[in-house]
């Protein structure tokens, strides 16, 4: 005999379970939408952070450049606008869309030279389009940056060694084809170095130069380098010692100086090994650097180390692990108190990012595996000291940003709320 009450209870229980399962599906669906929305928002916020950093770098460079021209207010304003991110500025690349830029002058009474202005303020803002947040009705994010730079506000003395990669890839396109005689990559570096020196104060900041491959001798610093240059311990990497005659006064370069004449005639050739260049640059700072000032190395390279001096045995890390050895050598330099900035230029071209051992380009992969990007990042003193793949139009700005870190000629960045 059928228990009608029991059947009714079973039916009710099944209905309740079905209802609970339906509710669970709804909750899961809602949570998935929320999760996707949060993920999309994180991507958009990340891009906005990248945009802010780009705007801030541009504002810093514009303010520093403009302050250099004070007390001439018209020249200062025009120069700041020239280096800004507005559509007519040197740092405009179109990726951020329309950038609004405001340049103003002010007097900071706590600093000398207020006649009538001794500081310049650059403010930049952009509406950065979103990718995913549009589904939430957010089509763009407002990004702003502000920088204030002063003139006649004190200069920090420093001894600076420039290390420049002059290997053959600096005169090749991404397919490995030679680009003589124009060699745009090395030409861009020369232009950036000149602008860098133009913003230093020779009375306070001395500069030397190291190259790799090294030179056959000091008198042959401008000869075409070859891989064989690496294989003699007497071949110098440091081709210009620390000096101050690169400018007759702040902002007026002296092309007849050893530093400028060598930069102007740099030729390209050979493969990449930079550990010894870092060590010799540090040796020059230790030998001739002033003990009471900042010691700085600015290291520039467009690719991975892939060769080593043959005066080391084949088992040496200088040959088997040239990228790792660069990191190790840099660690010793930093331990001695020297600040290292590293600039990786066009690292994605061809095999430029691949670290190999023993022979240039054709040897086995370095073990443990390491990329040029990772090596250069580890060579730098910190994350903020590493600049990854600036393009030709941004290279000068990178050097200018580095100059701003330890003092930029007669101008320096100051807090926006300075009185």
Protein backbone atom coordinates (compact mmCIF):
# COMPACT_ATOMS: atom_id res chain seq x y z
CA UNK A 1 0.00 0.00 0.00
CA UNK A 2 1.45 3.32 -1.05
CA UNK A 3 2.31 5.83 1.66
CA UNK A 4 0.90 9.00 0.11
CA UNK A 5 2.45 11.15 2.83
CA UNK A 6 5.93 9.78 2.17
CA UNK A 7 5.58 10.43 -1.59
CA UNK A 8 4.56 13.96 -0.88
CA UNK A 9 7.61 14.52 1.33
CA UNK A 10 9.96 13.05 -1.28
CA UNK A 11 8.50 15.29 -3.95
CA UNK A 12 8.89 18.33 -1.75
CA UNK A 13 12.51 17.42 -0.96
CA UNK A 14 13.36 17.00 -4.64
CA UNK A 15 11.79 20.36 -5.41
CA UNK A 16 13.82 22.03 -2.67
CA UNK A 17 17.11 20.48 -3.91
CA UNK A 18 16.38 21.58 -7.46
CA UNK A 19 15.63 25.05 -6.20
CA UNK A 20 18.91 25.15 -4.25
CA UNK A 21 20.87 23.98 -7.30
CA UNK A 22 19.25 26.69 -9.38
CA UNK A 23 20.22 29.29 -6.81
CA UNK A 24 23.82 28.00 -6.75
CA UNK A 25 24.11 28.35 -10.52
CA UNK A 26 22.85 31.92 -10.31
CA UNK A 27 25.33 32.75 -7.53
CA UNK A 28 28.24 31.20 -9.46
CA UNK A 29 27.24 33.12 -12.58
CA UNK A 30 27.12 36.37 -10.63
CA UNK A 31 30.50 35.67 -9.02
CA UNK A 32 32.03 34.90 -12.43
CA UNK A 33 30.79 38.21 -13.77
CA UNK A 34 32.23 39.98 -10.73
CA UNK A 35 35.55 38.14 -11.11
CA UNK A 36 35.77 39.01 -14.81
CA UNK A 37 34.92 42.61 -14.04
CA UNK A 38 37.67 42.79 -11.40
CA UNK A 39 40.19 41.22 -13.77
CA UNK A 40 39.26 43.63 -16.53
CA UNK A 41 39.46 46.54 -14.12
CA UNK A 42 42.95 45.42 -13.01
CA UNK A 43 44.13 45.42 -16.65
CA UNK A 44 42.77 48.90 -17.22
CA UNK A 45 44.26 50.20 -13.97
CA UNK A 46 47.62 48.68 -14.94
CA UNK A 47 47.54 50.45 -18.27
CA UNK A 48 46.60 53.70 -16.52
CA UNK A 49 49.62 53.23 -14.22
CA UNK A 50 51.85 52.79 -17.28
CA UNK A 51 50.35 55.93 -18.81
CA UNK A 52 50.93 57.89 -15.59
CA UNK A 53 54.57 56.82 -15.46
CA UNK A 54 55.02 57.90 -19.08
CA UNK A 55 53.38 61.26 -18.40
CA UNK A 56 55.44 61.77 -15.24
CA UNK A 57 58.69 61.04 -17.07
CA UNK A 58 57.72 63.52 -19.76
CA UNK A 59 56.73 66.18 -17.23
CA UNK A 60 60.04 65.68 -15.38
CA UNK A 61 62.06 66.03 -18.57
CA UNK A 62 60.09 69.09 -19.70
CA UNK A 63 60.43 70.83 -16.34
CA UNK A 64 64.18 70.13 -16.16
CA UNK A 65 64.77 71.35 -19.68
CA UNK A 66 62.71 74.49 -19.12
CA UNK A 67 64.36 75.33 -15.79
CA UNK A 68 67.71 75.20 -17.52
CA UNK A 69 66.70 78.33 -19.47
CA UNK A 70 65.62 80.42 -16.51
CA UNK A 71 65.57 83.34 -15.76
CA UNK A 72 64.50 83.90 -19.38
CA UNK A 73 60.80 83.11 -18.90
CA UNK A 74 59.93 82.98 -22.61
CA UNK A 75 62.81 80.63 -23.42
CA UNK A 76 62.08 78.48 -20.35
CA UNK A 77 58.42 78.06 -21.30
CA UNK A 78 59.20 77.31 -24.95
CA UNK A 79 61.88 74.77 -24.01
CA UNK A 80 59.57 72.99 -21.57
CA UNK A 81 56.90 72.75 -24.25
CA UNK A 82 59.48 71.42 -26.69
CA UNK A 83 60.26 68.49 -24.39
CA UNK A 84 56.71 67.77 -23.22
CA UNK A 85 54.10 65.26 -24.35
CA UNK A 86 51.86 67.72 -26.15
CA UNK A 87 51.33 67.00 -29.88
CA UNK A 88 54.20 69.39 -30.73
CA UNK A 89 56.60 68.08 -28.06
CA UNK A 90 59.58 65.79 -28.58
CA UNK A 91 58.11 63.16 -26.26
CA UNK A 92 54.75 62.93 -28.00
CA UNK A 93 54.14 59.45 -29.45
CA UNK A 94 50.36 59.47 -29.86
CA UNK A 95 49.79 56.39 -27.68
CA UNK A 96 48.09 58.38 -24.95
CA UNK A 97 45.84 60.28 -27.31
CA UNK A 98 45.42 64.00 -26.70
CA UNK A 99 47.60 65.26 -23.88
CA UNK A 100 46.82 68.59 -22.25
CA UNK A 101 49.91 70.40 -21.04
CA UNK A 102 50.23 73.51 -18.89
CA UNK A 103 53.54 75.28 -18.25
CA UNK A 104 53.80 77.95 -15.58
CA UNK A 105 56.55 79.81 -13.76
CA UNK A 106 56.85 80.47 -10.05
CA UNK A 107 59.11 81.83 -7.33
CA UNK A 108 60.38 79.47 -4.63
CA UNK A 109 61.49 81.88 -1.91
CA UNK A 110 63.55 79.26 -0.06
CA UNK A 111 65.92 79.07 -3.04
CA UNK A 112 68.16 81.72 -4.61
CA UNK A 113 67.63 83.35 -8.01
CA UNK A 114 64.00 84.43 -7.72
CA UNK A 115 64.22 87.36 -10.14
CA UNK A 116 61.28 87.09 -10.80
CA UNK A 117 61.14 83.28 -11.25
CA UNK A 118 63.43 80.46 -10.27
CA UNK A 119 61.17 77.45 -10.90
CA UNK A 120 58.97 76.06 -13.62
CA UNK A 121 55.92 73.81 -13.24
CA UNK A 122 54.75 71.38 -15.92
CA UNK A 123 51.36 69.70 -15.59
CA UNK A 124 50.15 67.07 -18.04
CA UNK A 125 46.87 65.18 -18.20
CA UNK A 126 45.34 62.65 -20.55
CA UNK A 127 42.13 60.69 -20.90
CA UNK A 128 43.37 57.11 -21.19
CA UNK A 129 40.83 54.87 -22.95
CA UNK A 130 39.85 51.66 -21.18
CA UNK A 131 39.72 48.21 -22.77
CA UNK A 132 37.34 46.25 -20.57
CA UNK A 133 35.85 48.69 -18.10
CA UNK A 134 33.65 50.01 -20.90
CA UNK A 135 31.12 47.31 -20.05
CA UNK A 136 30.74 49.06 -16.70
CA UNK A 137 30.24 52.41 -18.37
CA UNK A 138 33.83 53.60 -17.76
CA UNK A 139 35.19 54.65 -21.16
CA UNK A 140 38.36 56.37 -19.97
CA UNK A 141 40.50 57.13 -16.93
CA UNK A 142 41.89 60.59 -16.20
CA UNK A 143 45.67 60.47 -15.69
CA UNK A 144 47.64 63.46 -14.41
CA UNK A 145 51.31 64.23 -13.77
CA UNK A 146 53.08 67.25 -12.35
CA UNK A 147 56.74 68.21 -12.09
CA UNK A 148 58.49 71.24 -10.65
CA UNK A 149 62.11 72.08 -11.38
CA UNK A 150 64.25 74.91 -10.10
CA UNK A 151 67.21 76.77 -11.47
CA UNK A 152 70.19 77.94 -9.43
CA UNK A 153 69.05 75.53 -6.75
CA UNK A 154 72.30 73.77 -6.05
CA UNK A 155 74.27 71.12 -7.93
CA UNK A 156 75.40 67.82 -6.48
CA UNK A 157 78.93 66.90 -7.53
CA UNK A 158 79.37 63.47 -9.12
CA UNK A 159 81.93 61.39 -10.98
CA UNK A 160 80.27 59.54 -13.85
CA UNK A 161 81.52 56.78 -16.11
CA UNK A 162 79.62 56.21 -19.35
CA UNK A 163 79.83 52.66 -20.74
CA UNK A 164 78.73 52.40 -24.38
CA UNK A 165 78.01 49.30 -26.44
CA UNK A 166 79.60 49.84 -29.86
CA UNK A 167 79.20 46.28 -31.16
CA UNK A 168 78.27 45.51 -34.76
CA UNK A 169 74.55 45.29 -33.99
CA UNK A 170 74.56 49.03 -33.28
CA UNK A 171 74.87 49.50 -37.04
CA UNK A 172 72.43 46.80 -38.15
CA UNK A 173 68.68 46.58 -38.64
CA UNK A 174 66.54 43.94 -36.91
CA UNK A 175 67.32 41.45 -39.70
CA UNK A 176 71.07 41.79 -39.19
CA UNK A 177 71.73 43.89 -42.30
CA UNK A 178 74.45 46.52 -42.06
CA UNK A 179 73.27 50.12 -42.23
CA UNK A 180 76.52 51.93 -43.03
CA UNK A 181 77.18 54.79 -43.27
CA UNK A 182 74.15 56.19 -41.41
CA UNK A 183 74.15 53.66 -38.51
CA UNK A 184 71.04 55.17 -36.90
CA UNK A 185 71.33 53.27 -33.61
CA UNK A 186 74.83 54.46 -32.73
CA UNK A 187 73.94 57.90 -34.08
CA UNK A 188 71.00 58.02 -31.66
CA UNK A 189 73.31 57.11 -28.79
CA UNK A 190 75.79 59.82 -29.73
CA UNK A 191 73.02 62.41 -29.86
CA UNK A 192 71.67 61.27 -26.48
CA UNK A 193 75.13 61.44 -24.90
CA UNK A 194 75.66 64.95 -26.22
CA UNK A 195 72.35 66.07 -24.77
CA UNK A 196 73.20 64.38 -21.48
CA UNK A 197 76.49 66.26 -21.26
CA UNK A 198 74.78 69.49 -22.26
CA UNK A 199 72.78 69.32 -19.02
CA UNK A 200 75.71 68.69 -16.69
CA UNK A 201 77.85 71.22 -14.84
CA UNK A 202 81.54 70.60 -15.58
CA UNK A 203 82.49 72.54 -12.45
CA UNK A 204 80.83 69.87 -10.33
CA UNK A 205 80.42 66.76 -12.47
CA UNK A 206 83.26 64.91 -14.14
CA UNK A 207 82.66 62.30 -16.85
CA UNK A 208 84.69 59.46 -18.36
CA UNK A 209 84.01 56.97 -21.15
CA UNK A 210 84.41 53.20 -21.51
CA UNK A 211 83.64 51.26 -24.69
CA UNK A 212 83.16 47.62 -25.59
CA UNK A 213 84.71 46.02 -27.52
CA UNK A 214 87.78 47.72 -26.06
CA UNK A 215 90.24 49.71 -28.14
CA UNK A 216 93.62 48.36 -29.34
CA UNK A 217 95.17 51.38 -27.58
CA UNK A 218 94.13 54.77 -26.25
CA UNK A 219 95.22 56.40 -29.48
CA UNK A 220 93.01 54.00 -31.48
CA UNK A 221 89.76 54.56 -29.58
CA UNK A 222 87.97 55.46 -32.80
CA UNK A 223 89.21 52.53 -34.88
CA UNK A 224 86.69 49.93 -36.04
CA UNK A 225 86.39 47.40 -33.19
CA UNK A 226 86.73 43.64 -33.75
CA UNK A 227 86.29 40.59 -31.51
CA UNK A 228 90.06 40.22 -31.26
CA UNK A 229 90.19 43.41 -29.21
CA UNK A 230 88.79 41.44 -26.27
CA UNK A 231 91.69 39.02 -26.22
CA UNK A 232 94.49 41.17 -24.80
CA UNK A 233 94.61 42.35 -21.20
CA UNK A 234 96.39 45.52 -22.35
CA UNK A 235 93.55 46.71 -24.59
CA UNK A 236 91.74 49.50 -22.72
CA UNK A 237 88.00 49.66 -22.14
CA UNK A 238 88.29 53.08 -20.51
CA UNK A 239 89.27 55.33 -23.41
CA UNK A 240 88.59 58.69 -21.72
CA UNK A 241 89.40 59.16 -18.03
CA UNK A 242 87.25 61.26 -15.73
CA UNK A 243 87.42 64.82 -17.02
CA UNK A 244 85.64 68.16 -16.81
CA UNK A 245 86.64 69.87 -20.05
CA UNK A 246 83.65 68.49 -21.99
CA UNK A 247 81.99 71.88 -21.63
CA UNK A 248 83.37 75.38 -21.28
CA UNK A 249 80.42 76.24 -19.09
CA UNK A 250 77.14 74.56 -18.20
CA UNK A 251 75.24 74.08 -21.44
CA UNK A 252 78.13 74.89 -23.81
CA UNK A 253 79.82 71.74 -25.10
CA UNK A 254 83.49 71.63 -26.04
CA UNK A 255 83.78 69.41 -29.14
CA UNK A 256 87.56 69.60 -29.03
CA UNK A 257 87.65 67.83 -25.66
CA UNK A 258 88.79 64.21 -25.58
CA UNK A 259 85.38 63.07 -24.37
CA UNK A 260 83.31 64.78 -27.07
CA UNK A 261 85.75 64.04 -29.89
CA UNK A 262 85.74 60.34 -28.93
CA UNK A 263 81.95 60.17 -28.68
CA UNK A 264 81.66 61.84 -32.07
CA UNK A 265 83.89 59.28 -33.79
CA UNK A 266 82.66 56.01 -32.23
CA UNK A 267 82.59 53.23 -34.83
CA UNK A 268 80.89 49.84 -34.55
CA UNK A 269 81.93 46.18 -34.86
CA UNK A 270 82.35 42.89 -33.01
CA UNK A 271 80.28 40.93 -30.51
CA UNK A 272 79.31 41.60 -26.90
CA UNK A 273 81.18 41.08 -23.63
CA UNK A 274 80.70 43.71 -20.96
CA UNK A 275 81.82 42.30 -17.59
CA UNK A 276 85.35 43.70 -17.95
CA UNK A 277 84.02 47.08 -19.09
CA UNK A 278 82.06 47.35 -15.84
CA UNK A 279 85.12 46.36 -13.81
CA UNK A 280 87.42 48.84 -15.56
CA UNK A 281 84.90 51.66 -15.24
CA UNK A 282 84.77 51.00 -11.52
CA UNK A 283 88.60 50.90 -11.39
CA UNK A 284 88.73 54.35 -13.00
CA UNK A 285 86.30 55.69 -10.38
CA UNK A 286 88.35 54.11 -7.60
CA UNK A 287 91.62 55.48 -8.98
CA UNK A 288 90.63 58.99 -10.01
CA UNK A 289 87.17 59.53 -8.52
CA UNK A 290 86.71 62.01 -5.68
CA UNK A 291 86.02 60.21 -2.40
CA UNK A 292 83.39 62.69 -1.20
CA UNK A 293 81.09 62.66 -4.26
CA UNK A 294 78.67 60.20 -5.82
CA UNK A 295 80.19 57.59 -8.12
CA UNK A 296 77.92 56.66 -11.02
CA UNK A 297 78.07 54.25 -13.97
CA UNK A 298 75.60 54.57 -16.85
CA UNK A 299 75.70 51.31 -18.79
CA UNK A 300 74.18 51.11 -22.28
CA UNK A 301 73.79 47.94 -24.36
CA UNK A 302 71.59 46.68 -27.19
CA UNK A 303 71.89 42.97 -26.53
CA UNK A 304 73.12 39.91 -24.70
CA UNK A 305 76.71 39.10 -23.89
CA UNK A 306 77.74 36.24 -26.16
CA UNK A 307 81.53 36.08 -26.15
CA UNK A 308 84.42 36.15 -23.68
CA UNK A 309 88.12 37.13 -23.70
CA UNK A 310 90.29 34.18 -24.71
CA UNK A 311 92.88 34.92 -22.02
CA UNK A 312 90.38 33.28 -19.67
CA UNK A 313 90.14 29.45 -19.79
CA UNK A 314 87.12 27.99 -21.56
CA UNK A 315 85.75 26.95 -18.17
CA UNK A 316 85.73 30.54 -16.92
CA UNK A 317 82.33 32.21 -16.35
CA UNK A 318 83.64 35.12 -18.44
CA UNK A 319 83.34 32.73 -21.40
CA UNK A 320 80.76 30.13 -20.39
CA UNK A 321 78.37 32.58 -18.66
CA UNK A 322 79.11 36.05 -20.06
CA UNK A 323 75.72 37.49 -19.05
CA UNK A 324 75.87 36.01 -15.55
CA UNK A 325 79.44 37.27 -15.22
CA UNK A 326 78.24 40.75 -16.12
CA UNK A 327 75.75 40.53 -13.26
CA UNK A 328 78.49 39.25 -10.93
CA UNK A 329 80.90 42.01 -11.93
CA UNK A 330 78.17 44.60 -11.46
CA UNK A 331 77.46 43.24 -7.98
CA UNK A 332 81.08 43.92 -7.02
CA UNK A 333 80.83 47.43 -8.44
CA UNK A 334 77.65 48.16 -6.48
CA UNK A 335 79.14 46.70 -3.29
CA UNK A 336 81.86 49.34 -3.54
CA UNK A 337 79.19 52.06 -3.36
CA UNK A 338 78.87 52.90 -7.06
CA UNK A 339 75.39 53.55 -8.46
CA UNK A 340 74.68 51.74 -11.74
CA UNK A 341 72.04 52.70 -14.28
CA UNK A 342 71.47 50.30 -17.17
CA UNK A 343 69.75 50.99 -20.47
CA UNK A 344 68.61 48.11 -22.68
CA UNK A 345 68.14 49.30 -26.25
CA UNK A 346 66.21 47.33 -28.88
CA UNK A 347 66.65 44.07 -26.97
CA UNK A 348 63.92 42.28 -28.90
CA UNK A 349 65.71 42.56 -32.25
CA UNK A 350 66.69 39.18 -33.69
CA UNK A 351 68.63 37.14 -31.11
CA UNK A 352 69.65 40.22 -29.13
CA UNK A 353 67.90 38.96 -25.99
CA UNK A 354 69.55 35.51 -26.03
CA UNK A 355 72.62 34.99 -23.85
CA UNK A 356 75.11 32.50 -25.30
CA UNK A 357 78.54 31.25 -24.31
CA UNK A 358 82.00 30.94 -25.83
CA UNK A 359 81.39 32.36 -29.30
CA UNK A 360 79.46 35.36 -30.53
CA UNK A 361 75.93 34.43 -31.56
CA UNK A 362 76.65 30.82 -32.45
CA UNK A 363 77.45 29.14 -29.18
CA UNK A 364 75.19 27.14 -26.88
CA UNK A 365 72.68 28.86 -24.65
CA UNK A 366 74.14 30.14 -21.42
CA UNK A 367 73.38 27.88 -18.45
CA UNK A 368 71.47 28.54 -16.32
CA UNK A 369 69.39 30.34 -18.92
CA UNK A 370 69.24 34.12 -18.70
CA UNK A 371 68.05 36.82 -21.07
CA UNK A 372 69.72 40.13 -21.85
CA UNK A 373 66.75 41.92 -20.33
CA UNK A 374 67.14 40.04 -17.06
CA UNK A 375 70.91 40.57 -17.01
CA UNK A 376 70.65 44.32 -17.56
CA UNK A 377 67.93 44.59 -14.95
CA UNK A 378 70.15 42.81 -12.42
CA UNK A 379 73.15 44.94 -13.37
CA UNK A 380 71.25 48.10 -12.38
CA UNK A 381 71.24 49.26 -8.77
CA UNK A 382 67.46 48.91 -8.58
CA UNK A 383 64.25 48.64 -10.56
CA UNK A 384 64.08 52.40 -11.05
CA UNK A 385 67.65 52.38 -12.39
CA UNK A 386 66.82 50.08 -15.31
CA UNK A 387 65.40 51.41 -18.57
CA UNK A 388 64.06 48.78 -20.94
CA UNK A 389 64.10 49.34 -24.70
CA UNK A 390 63.61 53.06 -25.14
CA UNK A 391 63.06 53.87 -28.80
CA UNK A 392 65.16 56.40 -30.68
CA UNK A 393 62.96 59.36 -29.76
CA UNK A 394 63.00 58.43 -26.05
CA UNK A 395 66.71 57.68 -25.59
CA UNK A 396 67.71 61.29 -24.93
CA UNK A 397 64.93 61.58 -22.38
CA UNK A 398 66.20 58.48 -20.57
CA UNK A 399 69.65 60.01 -20.18
CA UNK A 400 68.03 63.24 -19.04
CA UNK A 401 66.00 61.38 -16.42
CA UNK A 402 69.18 59.73 -15.15
CA UNK A 403 70.89 63.11 -14.93
CA UNK A 404 67.97 64.39 -12.89
CA UNK A 405 68.48 61.64 -10.29
CA UNK A 406 71.89 62.85 -9.14
CA UNK A 407 71.58 66.49 -10.24
CA UNK A 408 70.88 68.02 -13.57
CA UNK A 409 73.23 70.85 -14.35
CA UNK A 410 72.03 74.05 -12.73
CA UNK A 411 68.46 72.75 -12.49
CA UNK A 412 66.93 70.02 -10.38
CA UNK A 413 63.52 68.54 -9.69
CA UNK A 414 62.04 69.74 -6.40
CA UNK A 415 58.85 68.83 -4.49
CA UNK A 416 55.77 70.41 -6.03
CA UNK A 417 54.87 72.01 -2.69
CA UNK A 418 58.22 73.76 -2.22
CA UNK A 419 57.86 77.24 -0.74
